[in-house]
Amino acid sequence: MLIVDAVLDRANARPDSVALATESGRVRWADLVVGDGIDHGSGVVALHDGDPLALLPRLVSTLRGGGVPLVLDHRWTAEHVAAVVAGLDPPPPMRAAWAAVSSGSTGRPRVVLREERSWSASFAAVDELLALRSDDRMLLPTPLSSSIALFGLAHALSRGLAVFAPARARDAALRALLPEATIVHTTPTMVQRVLDLLDAGAEHRLRLALVGGAELDDAQRARAIAHGISVVTYYGAAELSFVAVDRDGSGLRAFPGVEIRREPVPGGALARLWVRSPYLASGYLGADGALERSPEGWATVGDLVDPVDAADPERIVVRGRGDAAILTAAATVLPDDVERVLRSLPGVRDAAVFGEPTARVGALVSALIEADPAAVDLAAWRAECRRRLAPAQRPRHWYLTAALPRTAAGKVARAELERALAESAVQRLG
């Protein structure tokens, strides 16, 4: 069943029940089937509204009119929006039902197009992962411009679930919605915010968290379980959708319906990950991005993984995007490996590792730490890095910030790190 048909069925069956709620209001299912009189045709329609109460009826109207909704980040400047919108004409040269902006974490935004089936084909598997019930309510706390939240919205609409989405990125808004939702689909960054609120006494009904966009560490999983929240994590990409899933903390394995191939990287100990599945996006509108395809139907966005482990051949260990690797003194350092250690240090909320170009060695491994100034203990942090990291991996320069720059999906916006340093928006620690 098409998502728009599911919305119509829900509107006919329960017109006055809640389709979407924010901290400031609610939209009924009946409100989603009031047409706006616009013939959208087959073009991509940019929706740039930070209020989900206004955005959702426009999104459904676009789908009903044959258009392809593209939700833009409401925090973008007018110039940024204009640059993306300028590339939306002519209509896409391929069949599409959804469009999402993918900046990944390292580049300018690109518009990813996909057929409806590339998402809806995974809905049954997601239902099973969530042990979905008819009375579940979905919390989507990241902006609806992110592919994670947009998928979560499409899935919830298709299942007739009420969606709860904060209109403002404030703890008070999130706290107001926690008592109503039973499932949260979000990123590790937002999971941490939710857990901080629960530790502070916020009421909630959450029974399960579906977490993507980055790795969730064991400590966060344990915190969630302590609050009665089961955790399912997954790895994917805007272009690939679901690739692998970790149901219980034992490690990632191929998502149902996904084939995995690991292509050894010449001269390295890692492999390039290729996938084949019914969930792949159709491609990009305008400028190309990281997605590569083979004639046999395989696709990759350049992510690197460990080679097959004979003791557990199905497990997939993702090491990060190959183009983020740091070349330093003839060694290749993957930021994810270093960041995993830094995030475990006392007082560190999050960390981003990057290379600072320098003569002779190529680049110096540097770390931007998100932490309170009172929690900084550089000597202890360096000592732990000496214990747990190889010499080439240890950060040579350390910087402090109150908040790392992030994409709408909650990933670290690596393209912004250099600008933050250049503008002295961070504090040099050593």
Protein backbone atom coordinates (compact mmCIF):
# COMPACT_ATOMS: atom_id res chain seq x y z
CA MET A 1 0.00 0.00 0.00
CA LEU A 2 1.27 3.48 -0.88
CA ILE A 3 1.94 5.78 2.06
CA VAL A 4 -0.65 8.31 0.84
CA ASP A 5 -3.24 5.51 0.70
CA ALA A 6 -2.37 4.53 4.27
CA VAL A 7 -2.88 8.15 5.35
CA LEU A 8 -6.26 8.27 3.60
CA ASP A 9 -7.34 5.00 5.24
CA ARG A 10 -6.33 6.30 8.68
CA ALA A 11 -8.10 9.62 8.06
CA ASN A 12 -11.30 7.78 7.13
CA ALA A 13 -11.12 5.31 10.01
CA ARG A 14 -10.01 7.67 12.80
CA PRO A 15 -10.20 11.24 11.51
CA ASP A 16 -9.92 12.93 14.91
CA SER A 17 -7.04 10.88 16.32
CA VAL A 18 -3.60 12.47 16.55
CA ALA A 19 -1.31 12.15 13.54
CA LEU A 20 1.44 14.45 14.81
CA ALA A 21 2.06 16.44 17.97
CA THR A 22 4.66 18.95 19.04
CA GLU A 23 5.10 20.62 22.41
CA SER A 24 2.75 23.37 21.23
CA GLY A 25 -0.04 21.67 19.26
CA ARG A 26 -1.46 18.70 17.38
CA VAL A 27 -2.53 17.74 13.86
CA ARG A 28 -5.34 15.24 13.27
CA TRP A 29 -5.31 12.61 10.54
CA ALA A 30 -8.26 14.39 8.94
CA ASP A 31 -6.12 17.55 8.68
CA LEU A 32 -3.66 15.70 6.42
CA VAL A 33 -6.12 15.03 3.60
CA VAL A 34 -7.23 18.60 2.97
CA GLY A 35 -5.80 19.46 -0.47
CA ASP A 36 -4.00 22.72 -1.21
CA GLY A 37 -5.13 22.87 -4.85
CA ILE A 38 -1.59 22.76 -6.20
CA ASP A 39 -0.70 20.44 -9.08
CA HIS A 40 2.85 19.50 -8.14
CA GLY A 41 3.33 17.17 -11.10
CA SER A 42 6.50 15.11 -10.95
CA GLY A 43 8.82 17.81 -9.69
CA VAL A 44 10.71 18.07 -6.45
CA VAL A 45 8.95 20.42 -4.01
CA ALA A 46 11.13 22.12 -1.41
CA LEU A 47 9.50 22.38 2.02
CA HIS A 48 11.32 24.78 4.32
CA ASP A 49 9.35 25.10 7.53
CA GLY A 50 10.66 24.40 11.00
CA ASP A 51 7.21 23.83 12.52
CA PRO A 52 6.20 20.17 12.02
CA LEU A 53 2.54 21.16 12.50
CA ALA A 54 2.69 23.21 9.29
CA LEU A 55 5.16 20.97 7.50
CA LEU A 56 3.35 17.62 7.67
CA PRO A 57 0.09 18.68 5.91
CA ARG A 58 2.18 20.26 3.13
CA LEU A 59 4.28 17.12 2.81
CA VAL A 60 1.24 14.85 2.51
CA SER A 61 -0.38 17.26 0.05
CA THR A 62 2.78 17.13 -2.07
CA LEU A 63 2.69 13.33 -2.13
CA ARG A 64 -1.01 13.31 -3.02
CA GLY A 65 -0.39 15.74 -5.86
CA GLY A 66 2.33 13.59 -7.41
CA GLY A 67 5.22 15.74 -6.23
CA VAL A 68 8.42 14.66 -4.55
CA PRO A 69 8.79 16.31 -1.12
CA LEU A 70 12.21 17.60 -0.12
CA VAL A 71 12.36 18.79 3.49
CA LEU A 72 15.06 21.41 4.00
CA ASP A 73 16.72 22.24 7.30
CA HIS A 74 14.86 25.24 8.74
CA ARG A 75 18.12 26.45 10.30
CA TRP A 76 19.71 27.09 6.90
CA THR A 77 20.26 30.62 5.69
CA ALA A 78 18.29 31.97 2.73
CA GLU A 79 21.43 31.73 0.59
CA HIS A 80 21.92 28.07 1.50
CA VAL A 81 18.30 27.26 0.69
CA ALA A 82 18.54 29.13 -2.63
CA ALA A 83 21.64 27.14 -3.63
CA VAL A 84 19.81 23.84 -3.09
CA VAL A 85 16.52 24.94 -4.64
CA ALA A 86 18.32 26.25 -7.74
CA GLY A 87 19.30 22.69 -8.58
CA LEU A 88 15.79 21.23 -8.39
CA ASP A 89 14.78 22.01 -11.99
CA PRO A 90 14.20 20.34 -14.36
CA PRO A 91 12.19 17.43 -12.88
CA PRO A 92 14.29 14.40 -11.89
CA PRO A 93 15.22 12.12 -14.81
CA MET A 94 14.25 9.04 -12.79
CA ARG A 95 11.16 7.83 -10.98
CA ALA A 96 11.11 9.21 -7.46
CA ALA A 97 8.69 9.54 -4.57
CA TRP A 98 10.99 10.97 -1.89
CA ALA A 99 13.95 13.31 -1.83
CA ALA A 100 16.32 13.86 1.08
CA VAL A 101 19.27 16.14 1.60
CA SER A 102 22.51 14.36 2.33
CA SER A 103 25.53 16.40 3.31
CA GLY A 104 27.01 13.33 4.98
CA SER A 105 29.48 14.95 7.32
CA THR A 106 32.12 16.20 4.93
CA GLY A 107 30.57 18.08 2.06
CA ARG A 108 27.91 20.36 0.66
CA PRO A 109 24.30 19.16 0.56
CA ARG A 110 23.22 16.81 -2.22
CA VAL A 111 19.68 15.80 -3.05
CA VAL A 112 19.18 12.03 -2.89
CA LEU A 113 16.21 10.64 -4.83
CA ARG A 114 14.47 7.36 -4.13
CA GLU A 115 11.38 5.41 -5.15
CA GLU A 116 8.80 4.78 -2.47
CA ARG A 117 9.51 1.04 -2.51
CA SER A 118 13.16 1.63 -1.60
CA TRP A 119 11.88 2.65 1.83
CA SER A 120 8.60 0.73 2.09
CA ALA A 121 10.31 -2.59 1.27
CA SER A 122 12.09 -2.35 4.64
CA PHE A 123 9.02 -1.46 6.71
CA ALA A 124 8.13 -5.06 7.62
CA ALA A 125 11.67 -5.75 8.84
CA VAL A 126 11.60 -2.52 10.88
CA ASP A 127 8.25 -3.58 12.37
CA GLU A 128 9.87 -6.81 13.50
CA LEU A 129 12.89 -5.05 15.02
CA LEU A 130 10.56 -2.75 16.96
CA ALA A 131 8.13 -5.55 17.89
CA LEU A 132 5.65 -2.94 16.69
CA ARG A 133 2.25 -2.68 18.37
CA SER A 134 -0.87 -0.92 17.14
CA ASP A 135 -0.80 1.45 20.10
CA ASP A 136 2.85 2.51 19.69
CA ARG A 137 3.70 6.20 19.34
CA MET A 138 6.84 7.38 17.59
CA LEU A 139 9.16 10.10 18.88
CA LEU A 140 11.28 11.72 16.14
CA PRO A 141 13.42 14.31 17.96
CA THR A 142 15.81 15.21 15.11
CA PRO A 143 14.77 17.71 12.40
CA LEU A 144 12.55 16.17 9.73
CA SER A 145 15.07 17.31 7.13
CA SER A 146 17.38 14.49 8.21
CA SER A 147 17.01 11.24 6.29
CA ILE A 148 16.68 9.33 9.58
CA ALA A 149 13.71 11.39 10.73
CA LEU A 150 12.16 11.51 7.27
CA PHE A 151 12.30 7.72 7.00
CA GLY A 152 10.86 7.46 10.51
CA LEU A 153 8.01 9.75 9.48
CA ALA A 154 7.28 7.75 6.31
CA HIS A 155 7.29 4.51 8.29
CA ALA A 156 5.01 5.91 11.00
CA LEU A 157 2.56 7.32 8.43
CA SER A 158 2.38 3.97 6.66
CA ARG A 159 1.55 2.23 9.95
CA GLY A 160 -0.91 4.84 11.20
CA LEU A 161 1.25 5.71 14.21
CA ALA A 162 1.06 9.04 15.99
CA VAL A 163 4.32 10.99 15.63
CA PHE A 164 5.79 13.29 18.28
CA ALA A 165 8.33 15.79 16.97
CA PRO A 166 9.72 18.78 18.93
CA ALA A 167 9.26 22.08 17.13
CA ARG A 168 12.24 23.56 18.98
CA ALA A 169 15.56 21.99 19.84
CA ARG A 170 15.16 22.58 23.55
CA ASP A 171 15.15 20.18 26.47
CA ALA A 172 11.79 21.55 27.64
CA ALA A 173 10.19 20.58 24.33
CA LEU A 174 11.67 17.10 24.47
CA ARG A 175 10.66 16.65 28.10
CA ALA A 176 7.06 17.57 27.24
CA LEU A 177 6.80 14.79 24.63
CA LEU A 178 8.60 11.96 26.44
CA PRO A 179 5.52 10.83 28.46
CA GLU A 180 3.55 10.24 25.24
CA ALA A 181 5.91 8.24 23.02
CA THR A 182 6.72 4.53 23.31
CA ILE A 183 9.45 4.33 20.62
CA VAL A 184 12.17 6.80 19.69
CA HIS A 185 13.97 6.68 16.32
CA THR A 186 16.99 8.94 16.44
CA THR A 187 20.76 9.41 16.62
CA PRO A 188 23.25 8.72 19.43
CA THR A 189 23.55 12.45 20.12
CA MET A 190 19.82 12.73 20.77
CA VAL A 191 19.78 9.48 22.76
CA GLN A 192 22.27 11.08 25.13
CA ARG A 193 20.01 14.12 25.55
CA VAL A 194 17.03 11.88 26.25
CA LEU A 195 18.98 9.86 28.81
CA ASP A 196 20.23 13.02 30.51
CA LEU A 197 16.61 14.12 30.92
CA LEU A 198 15.60 10.72 32.28
CA ASP A 199 18.51 10.77 34.73
CA ALA A 200 17.20 14.16 35.90
CA GLY A 201 13.78 12.67 36.60
CA ALA A 202 11.81 13.26 33.40
CA GLU A 203 8.76 11.02 32.99
CA HIS A 204 8.61 8.73 29.98
CA ARG A 205 6.89 5.72 28.40
CA LEU A 206 9.69 4.72 26.04
CA ARG A 207 10.17 0.99 25.65
CA LEU A 208 12.59 0.91 22.69
CA ALA A 209 15.14 3.12 20.91
CA LEU A 210 16.03 2.59 17.24
CA VAL A 211 19.36 4.35 16.78
CA GLY A 212 21.26 5.16 13.59
CA GLY A 213 23.54 7.79 12.11
CA ALA A 214 26.61 6.90 14.20
CA GLU A 215 27.84 4.33 16.67
CA LEU A 216 26.17 4.14 20.09
CA ASP A 217 28.69 3.22 22.74
CA ASP A 218 28.16 0.49 25.33
CA ALA A 219 27.78 2.97 28.18
CA GLN A 220 24.83 4.69 26.48
CA ARG A 221 23.19 1.36 25.74
CA ALA A 222 23.55 0.36 29.40
CA ARG A 223 22.05 3.68 30.53
CA ALA A 224 19.04 3.15 28.28
CA ILE A 225 18.49 -0.39 29.51
CA ALA A 226 18.66 0.87 33.09
CA HIS A 227 15.69 3.10 32.25
CA GLY A 228 13.75 0.15 30.81
CA ILE A 229 14.49 1.03 27.17
CA SER A 230 15.60 -1.71 24.79
CA VAL A 231 18.09 -0.58 22.15
CA VAL A 232 18.41 -1.60 18.50
CA THR A 233 21.16 0.12 16.53
CA TYR A 234 21.84 0.10 12.82
CA TYR A 235 24.31 1.28 10.22
CA GLY A 236 23.20 2.82 6.94
CA ALA A 237 23.48 5.87 4.74
CA ALA A 238 21.08 8.26 3.04
CA GLU A 239 21.97 6.63 -0.29
CA LEU A 240 21.90 3.00 0.93
CA SER A 241 19.20 3.10 3.63
CA PHE A 242 19.55 0.14 6.03
CA VAL A 243 22.72 -1.92 5.70
CA ALA A 244 23.35 -3.68 9.03
CA VAL A 245 21.62 -3.99 12.40
CA ASP A 246 22.67 -4.77 15.98
CA ARG A 247 19.70 -6.15 17.88
CA ASP A 248 21.31 -6.73 21.27
CA GLY A 249 24.77 -5.18 21.49
CA SER A 250 26.58 -8.20 20.03
CA GLY A 251 27.59 -6.38 16.86
CA LEU A 252 26.27 -5.37 13.46
CA ARG A 253 25.01 -7.99 11.03
CA ALA A 254 23.42 -7.62 7.62
CA PHE A 255 19.94 -6.08 7.72
CA PRO A 256 17.26 -8.46 6.36
CA GLY A 257 17.34 -8.42 2.56
CA VAL A 258 20.86 -6.95 2.32
CA GLU A 259 23.83 -8.69 0.69
CA ILE A 260 27.30 -7.67 1.86
CA ARG A 261 30.59 -7.71 -0.04
CA ARG A 262 33.97 -6.60 1.35
CA GLU A 263 36.54 -5.44 -1.17
CA PRO A 264 40.10 -5.38 0.24
CA VAL A 265 41.76 -1.97 0.09
CA PRO A 266 45.17 -2.26 -1.64
CA GLY A 267 48.00 -1.96 0.86
CA GLY A 268 45.67 -1.71 3.83
CA ALA A 269 44.17 -3.88 6.54
CA LEU A 270 40.60 -2.75 5.89
CA ALA A 271 37.98 -3.43 3.23
CA ARG A 272 35.58 -1.26 1.25
CA LEU A 273 31.96 -2.14 1.92
CA TRP A 274 29.61 -2.85 -0.99
CA VAL A 275 25.94 -3.72 -0.57
CA ARG A 276 23.13 -5.01 -2.75
CA SER A 277 19.54 -4.64 -1.59
CA PRO A 278 16.06 -3.39 -2.58
CA TYR A 279 16.60 -0.34 -0.35
CA LEU A 280 19.09 1.62 -2.48
CA ALA A 281 18.36 5.18 -3.55
CA SER A 282 17.94 5.94 -7.25
CA GLY A 283 20.72 8.52 -7.34
CA TYR A 284 21.30 12.24 -7.04
CA LEU A 285 19.54 15.25 -8.50
CA GLY A 286 22.24 17.51 -9.87
CA ALA A 287 25.76 17.10 -8.52
CA ASP A 288 27.05 13.59 -7.94
CA GLY A 289 28.02 12.40 -4.49
CA ALA A 290 29.69 9.45 -2.82
CA LEU A 291 27.36 6.78 -4.24
CA GLU A 292 28.98 4.35 -6.69
CA ARG A 293 27.25 1.47 -8.46
CA SER A 294 28.38 -1.63 -10.29
CA PRO A 295 26.61 -3.20 -13.29
CA GLU A 296 25.71 -6.15 -11.06
CA GLY A 297 23.64 -3.98 -8.72
CA TRP A 298 26.20 -3.46 -5.95
CA ALA A 299 26.59 -0.01 -4.39
CA THR A 300 29.00 1.75 -2.03
CA VAL A 301 29.48 5.16 -0.46
CA GLY A 302 33.12 4.44 0.37
CA ASP A 303 32.74 3.25 3.95
CA LEU A 304 35.53 1.06 5.31
CA VAL A 305 35.04 -2.07 7.42
CA ASP A 306 37.16 -4.76 9.01
CA PRO A 307 37.86 -7.82 6.88
CA VAL A 308 35.94 -11.01 7.64
CA ASP A 309 36.62 -12.37 11.12
CA ALA A 310 36.85 -16.16 10.93
CA ALA A 311 35.53 -16.44 14.50
CA ASP A 312 32.41 -14.38 13.66
CA PRO A 313 32.20 -14.06 9.86
CA GLU A 314 28.80 -12.35 9.80
CA ARG A 315 29.79 -9.46 12.07
CA ILE A 316 30.45 -6.09 10.42
CA VAL A 317 32.73 -3.54 12.08
CA VAL A 318 32.42 -0.14 10.40
CA ARG A 319 35.52 2.05 10.55
CA GLY A 320 34.22 5.17 8.84
CA ARG A 321 34.24 6.89 5.49
CA GLY A 322 37.45 6.36 3.56
CA ASP A 323 37.67 9.99 2.45
CA ALA A 324 37.92 11.08 6.12
CA ALA A 325 41.16 9.16 6.65
CA ILE A 326 44.16 11.14 7.90
CA LEU A 327 47.54 10.49 6.27
CA THR A 328 50.24 11.26 8.83
CA ALA A 329 53.91 10.30 8.56
CA ALA A 330 53.17 7.38 6.20
CA ALA A 331 50.42 6.04 8.50
CA THR A 332 46.69 6.09 7.78
CA VAL A 333 44.51 7.03 10.75
CA LEU A 334 40.73 6.61 10.71
CA PRO A 335 38.99 9.23 12.86
CA ASP A 336 36.34 6.77 14.06
CA ASP A 337 38.97 4.60 15.75
CA VAL A 338 40.37 7.54 17.71
CA GLU A 339 36.98 9.10 18.46
CA ARG A 340 35.77 5.86 20.02
CA VAL A 341 38.54 6.12 22.63
CA LEU A 342 38.12 9.86 23.19
CA ARG A 343 34.39 9.55 23.86
CA SER A 344 35.14 7.14 26.70
CA LEU A 345 37.40 9.62 28.52
CA PRO A 346 36.06 11.14 31.76
CA GLY A 347 34.24 14.42 31.15
CA VAL A 348 34.15 14.09 27.34
CA ARG A 349 30.65 14.37 25.86
CA ASP A 350 31.78 13.93 22.26
CA ALA A 351 34.85 14.30 20.07
CA ALA A 352 35.81 14.92 16.45
CA VAL A 353 39.18 13.92 15.06
CA PHE A 354 40.63 15.55 11.94
CA GLY A 355 43.93 16.21 10.22
CA GLU A 356 45.72 19.56 10.31
CA PRO A 357 48.00 19.90 7.27
CA THR A 358 51.66 20.33 8.12
CA ALA A 359 54.99 20.05 6.37
CA ARG A 360 56.95 16.78 6.23
CA VAL A 361 54.35 14.47 7.84
CA GLY A 362 51.29 15.42 5.75
CA ALA A 363 48.86 16.08 8.61
CA LEU A 364 48.77 16.09 12.38
CA VAL A 365 46.03 14.16 14.13
CA SER A 366 43.99 16.72 16.06
CA ALA A 367 40.98 16.42 18.35
CA LEU A 368 38.12 18.81 19.01
CA ILE A 369 36.55 17.88 22.35
CA GLU A 370 33.02 18.74 23.42
CA ALA A 371 33.11 19.12 27.20
CA ASP A 372 32.57 21.53 30.05
CA PRO A 373 35.74 23.53 30.79
CA ALA A 374 35.66 22.32 34.40
CA ALA A 375 35.88 18.71 33.17
CA VAL A 376 39.09 19.18 31.18
CA ASP A 377 41.99 17.02 32.35
CA LEU A 378 44.38 17.06 29.41
CA ALA A 379 47.16 15.22 31.19
CA ALA A 380 44.87 12.33 32.12
CA TRP A 381 43.35 12.25 28.63
CA ARG A 382 46.79 12.09 27.01
CA ALA A 383 47.89 9.36 29.39
CA GLU A 384 44.86 7.25 28.49
CA CYS A 385 45.51 7.82 24.78
CA ARG A 386 49.10 6.63 25.23
CA ARG A 387 47.74 3.49 26.83
CA ARG A 388 45.03 2.72 24.28
CA LEU A 389 46.12 4.24 20.96
CA ALA A 390 49.02 3.57 18.62
CA PRO A 391 51.54 6.44 18.36
CA ALA A 392 50.23 7.57 14.96
CA GLN A 393 46.66 7.72 16.31
CA ARG A 394 47.33 9.94 19.31
CA PRO A 395 46.09 13.52 18.95
CA ARG A 396 48.92 16.04 18.74
CA HIS A 397 46.69 19.11 19.03
CA TRP A 398 43.71 19.35 21.36
CA TYR A 399 40.86 21.87 21.15
CA LEU A 400 37.79 22.50 23.32
CA THR A 401 34.28 23.54 22.31
CA ALA A 402 30.93 23.78 24.08
CA ALA A 403 29.19 22.09 21.14
CA LEU A 404 30.53 20.37 18.04
CA PRO A 405 29.11 21.52 14.70
CA ARG A 406 26.53 19.00 13.54
CA THR A 407 24.41 18.10 10.56
CA ALA A 408 20.63 17.88 10.88
CA ALA A 409 20.99 14.15 11.53
CA GLY A 410 23.28 14.78 14.49
CA LYS A 411 26.51 13.72 12.81
CA VAL A 412 29.61 15.83 13.30
CA ALA A 413 29.82 18.27 10.39
CA ARG A 414 33.47 17.68 9.53
CA ALA A 415 33.37 20.31 6.80
CA GLU A 416 32.77 22.91 9.52
CA LEU A 417 35.73 21.94 11.71
CA GLU A 418 38.35 23.78 9.68
CA ARG A 419 36.21 26.93 9.61
CA ALA A 420 35.70 26.76 13.39
CA LEU A 421 39.46 26.63 13.90
CA ALA A 422 40.12 29.40 11.40
CA GLU A 423 37.61 31.68 13.09
CA SER A 424 39.02 30.90 16.55
CA ALA A 425 35.63 29.57 17.61
CA VAL A 426 37.33 26.94 19.75
CA GLN A 427 39.84 26.98 22.59
CA ARG A 428 43.32 25.49 22.11
CA LEU A 429 44.18 23.14 24.98
CA GLY A 430 47.55 21.91 23.89
